[in-house]
Amino acid sequence: AIWEVDRATGNHRIFASGIRNPNGL
């Protein structure tokens, strides 16, 4: 997955999933 993390709080959610091994962004 690719996580989305709130920079101020550290709260996170799954932004996108089913992605075996993502590296470059």
PDBML (XML) file of the C-alpha atoms, coordinates in Angstrom:
<?xml version="1.0" encoding="UTF-8" ?>
<PDBx:datablock datablockName="MODEL"
   xmlns:PDBx="http://pdbml.pdb.org/schema/pdbx-v50.xsd"
   xmlns:xsi="http://www.w3.org/2001/XMLSchema-instance"
   xsi:schemaLocation="http://pdbml.pdb.org/schema/pdbx-v50.xsd pdbx-v50.xsd">
   <PDBx:atom_siteCategory>
      <PDBx:atom_site id="1">
         <PDBx:B_iso_or_equiv>0.00</PDBx:B_iso_or_equiv>
         <PDBx:Cartn_x>0.000</PDBx:Cartn_x>
         <PDBx:Cartn_y>0.000</PDBx:Cartn_y>
         <PDBx:Cartn_z>0.000</PDBx:Cartn_z>
         <PDBx:auth_asym_id>A</PDBx:auth_asym_id>
         <PDBx:auth_atom_id>CA</PDBx:auth_atom_id>
         <PDBx:auth_comp_id>ALA</PDBx:auth_comp_id>
         <PDBx:auth_seq_id>1</PDBx:auth_seq_id>
         <PDBx:group_PDB>ATOM</PDBx:group_PDB>
         <PDBx:label_alt_id xsi:nil="true" />
         <PDBx:label_asym_id>A</PDBx:label_asym_id>
         <PDBx:label_atom_id>CA</PDBx:label_atom_id>
         <PDBx:label_comp_id>ALA</PDBx:label_comp_id>
         <PDBx:label_entity_id>1</PDBx:label_entity_id>
         <PDBx:label_seq_id>1</PDBx:label_seq_id>
         <PDBx:occupancy>1.00</PDBx:occupancy>
         <PDBx:pdbx_PDB_model_num>1</PDBx:pdbx_PDB_model_num>
         <PDBx:type_symbol>C</PDBx:type_symbol>
      </PDBx:atom_site>
      <PDBx:atom_site id="2">
         <PDBx:B_iso_or_equiv>0.00</PDBx:B_iso_or_equiv>
         <PDBx:Cartn_x>0.778</PDBx:Cartn_x>
         <PDBx:Cartn_y>3.681</PDBx:Cartn_y>
         <PDBx:Cartn_z>-0.087</PDBx:Cartn_z>
         <PDBx:auth_asym_id>A</PDBx:auth_asym_id>
         <PDBx:auth_atom_id>CA</PDBx:auth_atom_id>
         <PDBx:auth_comp_id>ILE</PDBx:auth_comp_id>
         <PDBx:auth_seq_id>2</PDBx:auth_seq_id>
         <PDBx:group_PDB>ATOM</PDBx:group_PDB>
         <PDBx:label_alt_id xsi:nil="true" />
         <PDBx:label_asym_id>A</PDBx:label_asym_id>
         <PDBx:label_atom_id>CA</PDBx:label_atom_id>
         <PDBx:label_comp_id>ILE</PDBx:label_comp_id>
         <PDBx:label_entity_id>1</PDBx:label_entity_id>
         <PDBx:label_seq_id>2</PDBx:label_seq_id>
         <PDBx:occupancy>1.00</PDBx:occupancy>
         <PDBx:pdbx_PDB_model_num>1</PDBx:pdbx_PDB_model_num>
         <PDBx:type_symbol>C</PDBx:type_symbol>
      </PDBx:atom_site>
      <PDBx:atom_site id="3">
         <PDBx:B_iso_or_equiv>0.00</PDBx:B_iso_or_equiv>
         <PDBx:Cartn_x>-0.014</PDBx:Cartn_x>
         <PDBx:Cartn_y>5.430</PDBx:Cartn_y>
         <PDBx:Cartn_z>3.172</PDBx:Cartn_z>
         <PDBx:auth_asym_id>A</PDBx:auth_asym_id>
         <PDBx:auth_atom_id>CA</PDBx:auth_atom_id>
         <PDBx:auth_comp_id>TRP</PDBx:auth_comp_id>
         <PDBx:auth_seq_id>3</PDBx:auth_seq_id>
         <PDBx:group_PDB>ATOM</PDBx:group_PDB>
         <PDBx:label_alt_id xsi:nil="true" />
         <PDBx:label_asym_id>A</PDBx:label_asym_id>
         <PDBx:label_atom_id>CA</PDBx:label_atom_id>
         <PDBx:label_comp_id>TRP</PDBx:label_comp_id>
         <PDBx:label_entity_id>1</PDBx:label_entity_id>
         <PDBx:label_seq_id>3</PDBx:label_seq_id>
         <PDBx:occupancy>1.00</PDBx:occupancy>
         <PDBx:pdbx_PDB_model_num>1</PDBx:pdbx_PDB_model_num>
         <PDBx:type_symbol>C</PDBx:type_symbol>
      </PDBx:atom_site>
      <PDBx:atom_site id="4">
         <PDBx:B_iso_or_equiv>0.00</PDBx:B_iso_or_equiv>
         <PDBx:Cartn_x>-1.128</PDBx:Cartn_x>
         <PDBx:Cartn_y>9.024</PDBx:Cartn_y>
         <PDBx:Cartn_z>3.532</PDBx:Cartn_z>
         <PDBx:auth_asym_id>A</PDBx:auth_asym_id>
         <PDBx:auth_atom_id>CA</PDBx:auth_atom_id>
         <PDBx:auth_comp_id>GLU</PDBx:auth_comp_id>
         <PDBx:auth_seq_id>4</PDBx:auth_seq_id>
         <PDBx:group_PDB>ATOM</PDBx:group_PDB>
         <PDBx:label_alt_id xsi:nil="true" />
         <PDBx:label_asym_id>A</PDBx:label_asym_id>
         <PDBx:label_atom_id>CA</PDBx:label_atom_id>
         <PDBx:label_comp_id>GLU</PDBx:label_comp_id>
         <PDBx:label_entity_id>1</PDBx:label_entity_id>
         <PDBx:label_seq_id>4</PDBx:label_seq_id>
         <PDBx:occupancy>1.00</PDBx:occupancy>
         <PDBx:pdbx_PDB_model_num>1</PDBx:pdbx_PDB_model_num>
         <PDBx:type_symbol>C</PDBx:type_symbol>
      </PDBx:atom_site>
      <PDBx:atom_site id="5">
         <PDBx:B_iso_or_equiv>0.00</PDBx:B_iso_or_equiv>
         <PDBx:Cartn_x>0.210</PDBx:Cartn_x>
         <PDBx:Cartn_y>10.495</PDBx:Cartn_y>
         <PDBx:Cartn_z>6.770</PDBx:Cartn_z>
         <PDBx:auth_asym_id>A</PDBx:auth_asym_id>
         <PDBx:auth_atom_id>CA</PDBx:auth_atom_id>
         <PDBx:auth_comp_id>VAL</PDBx:auth_comp_id>
         <PDBx:auth_seq_id>5</PDBx:auth_seq_id>
         <PDBx:group_PDB>ATOM</PDBx:group_PDB>
         <PDBx:label_alt_id xsi:nil="true" />
         <PDBx:label_asym_id>A</PDBx:label_asym_id>
         <PDBx:label_atom_id>CA</PDBx:label_atom_id>
         <PDBx:label_comp_id>VAL</PDBx:label_comp_id>
         <PDBx:label_entity_id>1</PDBx:label_entity_id>
         <PDBx:label_seq_id>5</PDBx:label_seq_id>
         <PDBx:occupancy>1.00</PDBx:occupancy>
         <PDBx:pdbx_PDB_model_num>1</PDBx:pdbx_PDB_model_num>
         <PDBx:type_symbol>C</PDBx:type_symbol>
      </PDBx:atom_site>
      <PDBx:atom_site id="6">
         <PDBx:B_iso_or_equiv>0.00</PDBx:B_iso_or_equiv>
         <PDBx:Cartn_x>-0.918</PDBx:Cartn_x>
         <PDBx:Cartn_y>13.775</PDBx:Cartn_y>
         <PDBx:Cartn_z>8.277</PDBx:Cartn_z>
         <PDBx:auth_asym_id>A</PDBx:auth_asym_id>
         <PDBx:auth_atom_id>CA</PDBx:auth_atom_id>
         <PDBx:auth_comp_id>ASP</PDBx:auth_comp_id>
         <PDBx:auth_seq_id>6</PDBx:auth_seq_id>
         <PDBx:group_PDB>ATOM</PDBx:group_PDB>
         <PDBx:label_alt_id xsi:nil="true" />
         <PDBx:label_asym_id>A</PDBx:label_asym_id>
         <PDBx:label_atom_id>CA</PDBx:label_atom_id>
         <PDBx:label_comp_id>ASP</PDBx:label_comp_id>
         <PDBx:label_entity_id>1</PDBx:label_entity_id>
         <PDBx:label_seq_id>6</PDBx:label_seq_id>
         <PDBx:occupancy>1.00</PDBx:occupancy>
         <PDBx:pdbx_PDB_model_num>1</PDBx:pdbx_PDB_model_num>
         <PDBx:type_symbol>C</PDBx:type_symbol>
      </PDBx:atom_site>
      <PDBx:atom_site id="7">
         <PDBx:B_iso_or_equiv>0.00</PDBx:B_iso_or_equiv>
         <PDBx:Cartn_x>2.302</PDBx:Cartn_x>
         <PDBx:Cartn_y>15.703</PDBx:Cartn_y>
         <PDBx:Cartn_z>8.839</PDBx:Cartn_z>
         <PDBx:auth_asym_id>A</PDBx:auth_asym_id>
         <PDBx:auth_atom_id>CA</PDBx:auth_atom_id>
         <PDBx:auth_comp_id>ARG</PDBx:auth_comp_id>
         <PDBx:auth_seq_id>7</PDBx:auth_seq_id>
         <PDBx:group_PDB>ATOM</PDBx:group_PDB>
         <PDBx:label_alt_id xsi:nil="true" />
         <PDBx:label_asym_id>A</PDBx:label_asym_id>
         <PDBx:label_atom_id>CA</PDBx:label_atom_id>
         <PDBx:label_comp_id>ARG</PDBx:label_comp_id>
         <PDBx:label_entity_id>1</PDBx:label_entity_id>
         <PDBx:label_seq_id>7</PDBx:label_seq_id>
         <PDBx:occupancy>1.00</PDBx:occupancy>
         <PDBx:pdbx_PDB_model_num>1</PDBx:pdbx_PDB_model_num>
         <PDBx:type_symbol>C</PDBx:type_symbol>
      </PDBx:atom_site>
      <PDBx:atom_site id="8">
         <PDBx:B_iso_or_equiv>0.00</PDBx:B_iso_or_equiv>
         <PDBx:Cartn_x>1.081</PDBx:Cartn_x>
         <PDBx:Cartn_y>17.538</PDBx:Cartn_y>
         <PDBx:Cartn_z>11.912</PDBx:Cartn_z>
         <PDBx:auth_asym_id>A</PDBx:auth_asym_id>
         <PDBx:auth_atom_id>CA</PDBx:auth_atom_id>
         <PDBx:auth_comp_id>ALA</PDBx:auth_comp_id>
         <PDBx:auth_seq_id>8</PDBx:auth_seq_id>
         <PDBx:group_PDB>ATOM</PDBx:group_PDB>
         <PDBx:label_alt_id xsi:nil="true" />
         <PDBx:label_asym_id>A</PDBx:label_asym_id>
         <PDBx:label_atom_id>CA</PDBx:label_atom_id>
         <PDBx:label_comp_id>ALA</PDBx:label_comp_id>
         <PDBx:label_entity_id>1</PDBx:label_entity_id>
         <PDBx:label_seq_id>8</PDBx:label_seq_id>
         <PDBx:occupancy>1.00</PDBx:occupancy>
         <PDBx:pdbx_PDB_model_num>1</PDBx:pdbx_PDB_model_num>
         <PDBx:type_symbol>C</PDBx:type_symbol>
      </PDBx:atom_site>
      <PDBx:atom_site id="9">
         <PDBx:B_iso_or_equiv>0.00</PDBx:B_iso_or_equiv>
         <PDBx:Cartn_x>-0.480</PDBx:Cartn_x>
         <PDBx:Cartn_y>14.649</PDBx:Cartn_y>
         <PDBx:Cartn_z>13.832</PDBx:Cartn_z>
         <PDBx:auth_asym_id>A</PDBx:auth_asym_id>
         <PDBx:auth_atom_id>CA</PDBx:auth_atom_id>
         <PDBx:auth_comp_id>THR</PDBx:auth_comp_id>
         <PDBx:auth_seq_id>9</PDBx:auth_seq_id>
         <PDBx:group_PDB>ATOM</PDBx:group_PDB>
         <PDBx:label_alt_id xsi:nil="true" />
         <PDBx:label_asym_id>A</PDBx:label_asym_id>
         <PDBx:label_atom_id>CA</PDBx:label_atom_id>
         <PDBx:label_comp_id>THR</PDBx:label_comp_id>
         <PDBx:label_entity_id>1</PDBx:label_entity_id>
         <PDBx:label_seq_id>9</PDBx:label_seq_id>
         <PDBx:occupancy>1.00</PDBx:occupancy>
         <PDBx:pdbx_PDB_model_num>1</PDBx:pdbx_PDB_model_num>
         <PDBx:type_symbol>C</PDBx:type_symbol>
      </PDBx:atom_site>
      <PDBx:atom_site id="10">
         <PDBx:B_iso_or_equiv>0.00</PDBx:B_iso_or_equiv>
         <PDBx:Cartn_x>0.946</PDBx:Cartn_x>
         <PDBx:Cartn_y>11.421</PDBx:Cartn_y>
         <PDBx:Cartn_z>12.409</PDBx:Cartn_z>
         <PDBx:auth_asym_id>A</PDBx:auth_asym_id>
         <PDBx:auth_atom_id>CA</PDBx:auth_atom_id>
         <PDBx:auth_comp_id>GLY</PDBx:auth_comp_id>
         <PDBx:auth_seq_id>10</PDBx:auth_seq_id>
         <PDBx:group_PDB>ATOM</PDBx:group_PDB>
         <PDBx:label_alt_id xsi:nil="true" />
         <PDBx:label_asym_id>A</PDBx:label_asym_id>
         <PDBx:label_atom_id>CA</PDBx:label_atom_id>
         <PDBx:label_comp_id>GLY</PDBx:label_comp_id>
         <PDBx:label_entity_id>1</PDBx:label_entity_id>
         <PDBx:label_seq_id>10</PDBx:label_seq_id>
         <PDBx:occupancy>1.00</PDBx:occupancy>
         <PDBx:pdbx_PDB_model_num>1</PDBx:pdbx_PDB_model_num>
         <PDBx:type_symbol>C</PDBx:type_symbol>
      </PDBx:atom_site>
      <PDBx:atom_site id="11">
         <PDBx:B_iso_or_equiv>0.00</PDBx:B_iso_or_equiv>
         <PDBx:Cartn_x>-2.557</PDBx:Cartn_x>
         <PDBx:Cartn_y>10.137</PDBx:Cartn_y>
         <PDBx:Cartn_z>11.756</PDBx:Cartn_z>
         <PDBx:auth_asym_id>A</PDBx:auth_asym_id>
         <PDBx:auth_atom_id>CA</PDBx:auth_atom_id>
         <PDBx:auth_comp_id>ASN</PDBx:auth_comp_id>
         <PDBx:auth_seq_id>11</PDBx:auth_seq_id>
         <PDBx:group_PDB>ATOM</PDBx:group_PDB>
         <PDBx:label_alt_id xsi:nil="true" />
         <PDBx:label_asym_id>A</PDBx:label_asym_id>
         <PDBx:label_atom_id>CA</PDBx:label_atom_id>
         <PDBx:label_comp_id>ASN</PDBx:label_comp_id>
         <PDBx:label_entity_id>1</PDBx:label_entity_id>
         <PDBx:label_seq_id>11</PDBx:label_seq_id>
         <PDBx:occupancy>1.00</PDBx:occupancy>
         <PDBx:pdbx_PDB_model_num>1</PDBx:pdbx_PDB_model_num>
         <PDBx:type_symbol>C</PDBx:type_symbol>
      </PDBx:atom_site>
      <PDBx:atom_site id="12">
         <PDBx:B_iso_or_equiv>0.00</PDBx:B_iso_or_equiv>
         <PDBx:Cartn_x>-2.592</PDBx:Cartn_x>
         <PDBx:Cartn_y>7.938</PDBx:Cartn_y>
         <PDBx:Cartn_z>8.679</PDBx:Cartn_z>
         <PDBx:auth_asym_id>A</PDBx:auth_asym_id>
         <PDBx:auth_atom_id>CA</PDBx:auth_atom_id>
         <PDBx:auth_comp_id>HIS</PDBx:auth_comp_id>
         <PDBx:auth_seq_id>12</PDBx:auth_seq_id>
         <PDBx:group_PDB>ATOM</PDBx:group_PDB>
         <PDBx:label_alt_id xsi:nil="true" />
         <PDBx:label_asym_id>A</PDBx:label_asym_id>
         <PDBx:label_atom_id>CA</PDBx:label_atom_id>
         <PDBx:label_comp_id>HIS</PDBx:label_comp_id>
         <PDBx:label_entity_id>1</PDBx:label_entity_id>
         <PDBx:label_seq_id>12</PDBx:label_seq_id>
         <PDBx:occupancy>1.00</PDBx:occupancy>
         <PDBx:pdbx_PDB_model_num>1</PDBx:pdbx_PDB_model_num>
         <PDBx:type_symbol>C</PDBx:type_symbol>
      </PDBx:atom_site>
      <PDBx:atom_site id="13">
         <PDBx:B_iso_or_equiv>0.00</PDBx:B_iso_or_equiv>
         <PDBx:Cartn_x>-4.840</PDBx:Cartn_x>
         <PDBx:Cartn_y>6.107</PDBx:Cartn_y>
         <PDBx:Cartn_z>6.273</PDBx:Cartn_z>
         <PDBx:auth_asym_id>A</PDBx:auth_asym_id>
         <PDBx:auth_atom_id>CA</PDBx:auth_atom_id>
         <PDBx:auth_comp_id>ARG</PDBx:auth_comp_id>
         <PDBx:auth_seq_id>13</PDBx:auth_seq_id>
         <PDBx:group_PDB>ATOM</PDBx:group_PDB>
         <PDBx:label_alt_id xsi:nil="true" />
         <PDBx:label_asym_id>A</PDBx:label_asym_id>
         <PDBx:label_atom_id>CA</PDBx:label_atom_id>
         <PDBx:label_comp_id>ARG</PDBx:label_comp_id>
         <PDBx:label_entity_id>1</PDBx:label_entity_id>
         <PDBx:label_seq_id>13</PDBx:label_seq_id>
         <PDBx:occupancy>1.00</PDBx:occupancy>
         <PDBx:pdbx_PDB_model_num>1</PDBx:pdbx_PDB_model_num>
         <PDBx:type_symbol>C</PDBx:type_symbol>
      </PDBx:atom_site>
      <PDBx:atom_site id="14">
         <PDBx:B_iso_or_equiv>0.00</PDBx:B_iso_or_equiv>
         <PDBx:Cartn_x>-4.392</PDBx:Cartn_x>
         <PDBx:Cartn_y>3.785</PDBx:Cartn_y>
         <PDBx:Cartn_z>3.306</PDBx:Cartn_z>
         <PDBx:auth_asym_id>A</PDBx:auth_asym_id>
         <PDBx:auth_atom_id>CA</PDBx:auth_atom_id>
         <PDBx:auth_comp_id>ILE</PDBx:auth_comp_id>
         <PDBx:auth_seq_id>14</PDBx:auth_seq_id>
         <PDBx:group_PDB>ATOM</PDBx:group_PDB>
         <PDBx:label_alt_id xsi:nil="true" />
         <PDBx:label_asym_id>A</PDBx:label_asym_id>
         <PDBx:label_atom_id>CA</PDBx:label_atom_id>
         <PDBx:label_comp_id>ILE</PDBx:label_comp_id>
         <PDBx:label_entity_id>1</PDBx:label_entity_id>
         <PDBx:label_seq_id>14</PDBx:label_seq_id>
         <PDBx:occupancy>1.00</PDBx:occupancy>
         <PDBx:pdbx_PDB_model_num>1</PDBx:pdbx_PDB_model_num>
         <PDBx:type_symbol>C</PDBx:type_symbol>
      </PDBx:atom_site>
      <PDBx:atom_site id="15">
         <PDBx:B_iso_or_equiv>0.00</PDBx:B_iso_or_equiv>
         <PDBx:Cartn_x>-4.297</PDBx:Cartn_x>
         <PDBx:Cartn_y>6.026</PDBx:Cartn_y>
         <PDBx:Cartn_z>0.234</PDBx:Cartn_z>
         <PDBx:auth_asym_id>A</PDBx:auth_asym_id>
         <PDBx:auth_atom_id>CA</PDBx:auth_atom_id>
         <PDBx:auth_comp_id>PHE</PDBx:auth_comp_id>
         <PDBx:auth_seq_id>15</PDBx:auth_seq_id>
         <PDBx:group_PDB>ATOM</PDBx:group_PDB>
         <PDBx:label_alt_id xsi:nil="true" />
         <PDBx:label_asym_id>A</PDBx:label_asym_id>
         <PDBx:label_atom_id>CA</PDBx:label_atom_id>
         <PDBx:label_comp_id>PHE</PDBx:label_comp_id>
         <PDBx:label_entity_id>1</PDBx:label_entity_id>
         <PDBx:label_seq_id>15</PDBx:label_seq_id>
         <PDBx:occupancy>1.00</PDBx:occupancy>
         <PDBx:pdbx_PDB_model_num>1</PDBx:pdbx_PDB_model_num>
         <PDBx:type_symbol>C</PDBx:type_symbol>
      </PDBx:atom_site>
      <PDBx:atom_site id="16">
         <PDBx:B_iso_or_equiv>0.00</PDBx:B_iso_or_equiv>
         <PDBx:Cartn_x>-4.055</PDBx:Cartn_x>
         <PDBx:Cartn_y>3.155</PDBx:Cartn_y>
         <PDBx:Cartn_z>-2.291</PDBx:Cartn_z>
         <PDBx:auth_asym_id>A</PDBx:auth_asym_id>
         <PDBx:auth_atom_id>CA</PDBx:auth_atom_id>
         <PDBx:auth_comp_id>ALA</PDBx:auth_comp_id>
         <PDBx:auth_seq_id>16</PDBx:auth_seq_id>
         <PDBx:group_PDB>ATOM</PDBx:group_PDB>
         <PDBx:label_alt_id xsi:nil="true" />
         <PDBx:label_asym_id>A</PDBx:label_asym_id>
         <PDBx:label_atom_id>CA</PDBx:label_atom_id>
         <PDBx:label_comp_id>ALA</PDBx:label_comp_id>
         <PDBx:label_entity_id>1</PDBx:label_entity_id>
         <PDBx:label_seq_id>16</PDBx:label_seq_id>
         <PDBx:occupancy>1.00</PDBx:occupancy>
         <PDBx:pdbx_PDB_model_num>1</PDBx:pdbx_PDB_model_num>
         <PDBx:type_symbol>C</PDBx:type_symbol>
      </PDBx:atom_site>
      <PDBx:atom_site id="17">
         <PDBx:B_iso_or_equiv>0.00</PDBx:B_iso_or_equiv>
         <PDBx:Cartn_x>-3.723</PDBx:Cartn_x>
         <PDBx:Cartn_y>-0.620</PDBx:Cartn_y>
         <PDBx:Cartn_z>-1.879</PDBx:Cartn_z>
         <PDBx:auth_asym_id>A</PDBx:auth_asym_id>
         <PDBx:auth_atom_id>CA</PDBx:auth_atom_id>
         <PDBx:auth_comp_id>SER</PDBx:auth_comp_id>
         <PDBx:auth_seq_id>17</PDBx:auth_seq_id>
         <PDBx:group_PDB>ATOM</PDBx:group_PDB>
         <PDBx:label_alt_id xsi:nil="true" />
         <PDBx:label_asym_id>A</PDBx:label_asym_id>
         <PDBx:label_atom_id>CA</PDBx:label_atom_id>
         <PDBx:label_comp_id>SER</PDBx:label_comp_id>
         <PDBx:label_entity_id>1</PDBx:label_entity_id>
         <PDBx:label_seq_id>17</PDBx:label_seq_id>
         <PDBx:occupancy>1.00</PDBx:occupancy>
         <PDBx:pdbx_PDB_model_num>1</PDBx:pdbx_PDB_model_num>
         <PDBx:type_symbol>C</PDBx:type_symbol>
      </PDBx:atom_site>
      <PDBx:atom_site id="18">
         <PDBx:B_iso_or_equiv>0.00</PDBx:B_iso_or_equiv>
         <PDBx:Cartn_x>-3.078</PDBx:Cartn_x>
         <PDBx:Cartn_y>-3.843</PDBx:Cartn_y>
         <PDBx:Cartn_z>-3.770</PDBx:Cartn_z>
         <PDBx:auth_asym_id>A</PDBx:auth_asym_id>
         <PDBx:auth_atom_id>CA</PDBx:auth_atom_id>
         <PDBx:auth_comp_id>GLY</PDBx:auth_comp_id>
         <PDBx:auth_seq_id>18</PDBx:auth_seq_id>
         <PDBx:group_PDB>ATOM</PDBx:group_PDB>
         <PDBx:label_alt_id xsi:nil="true" />
         <PDBx:label_asym_id>A</PDBx:label_asym_id>
         <PDBx:label_atom_id>CA</PDBx:label_atom_id>
         <PDBx:label_comp_id>GLY</PDBx:label_comp_id>
         <PDBx:label_entity_id>1</PDBx:label_entity_id>
         <PDBx:label_seq_id>18</PDBx:label_seq_id>
         <PDBx:occupancy>1.00</PDBx:occupancy>
         <PDBx:pdbx_PDB_model_num>1</PDBx:pdbx_PDB_model_num>
         <PDBx:type_symbol>C</PDBx:type_symbol>
      </PDBx:atom_site>
      <PDBx:atom_site id="19">
         <PDBx:B_iso_or_equiv>0.00</PDBx:B_iso_or_equiv>
         <PDBx:Cartn_x>0.367</PDBx:Cartn_x>
         <PDBx:Cartn_y>-2.552</PDBx:Cartn_y>
         <PDBx:Cartn_z>-4.800</PDBx:Cartn_z>
         <PDBx:auth_asym_id>A</PDBx:auth_asym_id>
         <PDBx:auth_atom_id>CA</PDBx:auth_atom_id>
         <PDBx:auth_comp_id>ILE</PDBx:auth_comp_id>
         <PDBx:auth_seq_id>19</PDBx:auth_seq_id>
         <PDBx:group_PDB>ATOM</PDBx:group_PDB>
         <PDBx:label_alt_id xsi:nil="true" />
         <PDBx:label_asym_id>A</PDBx:label_asym_id>
         <PDBx:label_atom_id>CA</PDBx:label_atom_id>
         <PDBx:label_comp_id>ILE</PDBx:label_comp_id>
         <PDBx:label_entity_id>1</PDBx:label_entity_id>
         <PDBx:label_seq_id>19</PDBx:label_seq_id>
         <PDBx:occupancy>1.00</PDBx:occupancy>
         <PDBx:pdbx_PDB_model_num>1</PDBx:pdbx_PDB_model_num>
         <PDBx:type_symbol>C</PDBx:type_symbol>
      </PDBx:atom_site>
      <PDBx:atom_site id="20">
         <PDBx:B_iso_or_equiv>0.00</PDBx:B_iso_or_equiv>
         <PDBx:Cartn_x>2.825</PDBx:Cartn_x>
         <PDBx:Cartn_y>-5.391</PDBx:Cartn_y>
         <PDBx:Cartn_z>-4.175</PDBx:Cartn_z>
         <PDBx:auth_asym_id>A</PDBx:auth_asym_id>
         <PDBx:auth_atom_id>CA</PDBx:auth_atom_id>
         <PDBx:auth_comp_id>ARG</PDBx:auth_comp_id>
         <PDBx:auth_seq_id>20</PDBx:auth_seq_id>
         <PDBx:group_PDB>ATOM</PDBx:group_PDB>
         <PDBx:label_alt_id xsi:nil="true" />
         <PDBx:label_asym_id>A</PDBx:label_asym_id>
         <PDBx:label_atom_id>CA</PDBx:label_atom_id>
         <PDBx:label_comp_id>ARG</PDBx:label_comp_id>
         <PDBx:label_entity_id>1</PDBx:label_entity_id>
         <PDBx:label_seq_id>20</PDBx:label_seq_id>
         <PDBx:occupancy>1.00</PDBx:occupancy>
         <PDBx:pdbx_PDB_model_num>1</PDBx:pdbx_PDB_model_num>
         <PDBx:type_symbol>C</PDBx:type_symbol>
      </PDBx:atom_site>
      <PDBx:atom_site id="21">
         <PDBx:B_iso_or_equiv>0.00</PDBx:B_iso_or_equiv>
         <PDBx:Cartn_x>6.079</PDBx:Cartn_x>
         <PDBx:Cartn_y>-3.480</PDBx:Cartn_y>
         <PDBx:Cartn_z>-3.725</PDBx:Cartn_z>
         <PDBx:auth_asym_id>A</PDBx:auth_asym_id>
         <PDBx:auth_atom_id>CA</PDBx:auth_atom_id>
         <PDBx:auth_comp_id>ASN</PDBx:auth_comp_id>
         <PDBx:auth_seq_id>21</PDBx:auth_seq_id>
         <PDBx:group_PDB>ATOM</PDBx:group_PDB>
         <PDBx:label_alt_id xsi:nil="true" />
         <PDBx:label_asym_id>A</PDBx:label_asym_id>
         <PDBx:label_atom_id>CA</PDBx:label_atom_id>
         <PDBx:label_comp_id>ASN</PDBx:label_comp_id>
         <PDBx:label_entity_id>1</PDBx:label_entity_id>
         <PDBx:label_seq_id>21</PDBx:label_seq_id>
         <PDBx:occupancy>1.00</PDBx:occupancy>
         <PDBx:pdbx_PDB_model_num>1</PDBx:pdbx_PDB_model_num>
         <PDBx:type_symbol>C</PDBx:type_symbol>
      </PDBx:atom_site>
      <PDBx:atom_site id="22">
         <PDBx:B_iso_or_equiv>0.00</PDBx:B_iso_or_equiv>
         <PDBx:Cartn_x>5.977</PDBx:Cartn_x>
         <PDBx:Cartn_y>0.245</PDBx:Cartn_y>
         <PDBx:Cartn_z>-4.488</PDBx:Cartn_z>
         <PDBx:auth_asym_id>A</PDBx:auth_asym_id>
         <PDBx:auth_atom_id>CA</PDBx:auth_atom_id>
         <PDBx:auth_comp_id>PRO</PDBx:auth_comp_id>
         <PDBx:auth_seq_id>22</PDBx:auth_seq_id>
         <PDBx:group_PDB>ATOM</PDBx:group_PDB>
         <PDBx:label_alt_id xsi:nil="true" />
         <PDBx:label_asym_id>A</PDBx:label_asym_id>
         <PDBx:label_atom_id>CA</PDBx:label_atom_id>
         <PDBx:label_comp_id>PRO</PDBx:label_comp_id>
         <PDBx:label_entity_id>1</PDBx:label_entity_id>
         <PDBx:label_seq_id>22</PDBx:label_seq_id>
         <PDBx:occupancy>1.00</PDBx:occupancy>
         <PDBx:pdbx_PDB_model_num>1</PDBx:pdbx_PDB_model_num>
         <PDBx:type_symbol>C</PDBx:type_symbol>
      </PDBx:atom_site>
      <PDBx:atom_site id="23">
         <PDBx:B_iso_or_equiv>0.00</PDBx:B_iso_or_equiv>
         <PDBx:Cartn_x>9.283</PDBx:Cartn_x>
         <PDBx:Cartn_y>2.123</PDBx:Cartn_y>
         <PDBx:Cartn_z>-4.247</PDBx:Cartn_z>
         <PDBx:auth_asym_id>A</PDBx:auth_asym_id>
         <PDBx:auth_atom_id>CA</PDBx:auth_atom_id>
         <PDBx:auth_comp_id>ASN</PDBx:auth_comp_id>
         <PDBx:auth_seq_id>23</PDBx:auth_seq_id>
         <PDBx:group_PDB>ATOM</PDBx:group_PDB>
         <PDBx:label_alt_id xsi:nil="true" />
         <PDBx:label_asym_id>A</PDBx:label_asym_id>
         <PDBx:label_atom_id>CA</PDBx:label_atom_id>
         <PDBx:label_comp_id>ASN</PDBx:label_comp_id>
         <PDBx:label_entity_id>1</PDBx:label_entity_id>
         <PDBx:label_seq_id>23</PDBx:label_seq_id>
         <PDBx:occupancy>1.00</PDBx:occupancy>
         <PDBx:pdbx_PDB_model_num>1</PDBx:pdbx_PDB_model_num>
         <PDBx:type_symbol>C</PDBx:type_symbol>
      </PDBx:atom_site>
      <PDBx:atom_site id="24">
         <PDBx:B_iso_or_equiv>0.00</PDBx:B_iso_or_equiv>
         <PDBx:Cartn_x>9.705</PDBx:Cartn_x>
         <PDBx:Cartn_y>5.233</PDBx:Cartn_y>
         <PDBx:Cartn_z>-6.377</PDBx:Cartn_z>
         <PDBx:auth_asym_id>A</PDBx:auth_asym_id>
         <PDBx:auth_atom_id>CA</PDBx:auth_atom_id>
         <PDBx:auth_comp_id>GLY</PDBx:auth_comp_id>
         <PDBx:auth_seq_id>24</PDBx:auth_seq_id>
         <PDBx:group_PDB>ATOM</PDBx:group_PDB>
         <PDBx:label_alt_id xsi:nil="true" />
         <PDBx:label_asym_id>A</PDBx:label_asym_id>
         <PDBx:label_atom_id>CA</PDBx:label_atom_id>
         <PDBx:label_comp_id>GLY</PDBx:label_comp_id>
         <PDBx:label_entity_id>1</PDBx:label_entity_id>
         <PDBx:label_seq_id>24</PDBx:label_seq_id>
         <PDBx:occupancy>1.00</PDBx:occupancy>
         <PDBx:pdbx_PDB_model_num>1</PDBx:pdbx_PDB_model_num>
         <PDBx:type_symbol>C</PDBx:type_symbol>
      </PDBx:atom_site>
      <PDBx:atom_site id="25">
         <PDBx:B_iso_or_equiv>0.00</PDBx:B_iso_or_equiv>
         <PDBx:Cartn_x>7.217</PDBx:Cartn_x>
         <PDBx:Cartn_y>8.041</PDBx:Cartn_y>
         <PDBx:Cartn_z>-5.756</PDBx:Cartn_z>
         <PDBx:auth_asym_id>A</PDBx:auth_asym_id>
         <PDBx:auth_atom_id>CA</PDBx:auth_atom_id>
         <PDBx:auth_comp_id>LEU</PDBx:auth_comp_id>
         <PDBx:auth_seq_id>25</PDBx:auth_seq_id>
         <PDBx:group_PDB>ATOM</PDBx:group_PDB>
         <PDBx:label_alt_id xsi:nil="true" />
         <PDBx:label_asym_id>A</PDBx:label_asym_id>
         <PDBx:label_atom_id>CA</PDBx:label_atom_id>
         <PDBx:label_comp_id>LEU</PDBx:label_comp_id>
         <PDBx:label_entity_id>1</PDBx:label_entity_id>
         <PDBx:label_seq_id>25</PDBx:label_seq_id>
         <PDBx:occupancy>1.00</PDBx:occupancy>
         <PDBx:pdbx_PDB_model_num>1</PDBx:pdbx_PDB_model_num>
         <PDBx:type_symbol>C</PDBx:type_symbol>
      </PDBx:atom_site>
   </PDBx:atom_siteCategory>
</PDBx:datablock>
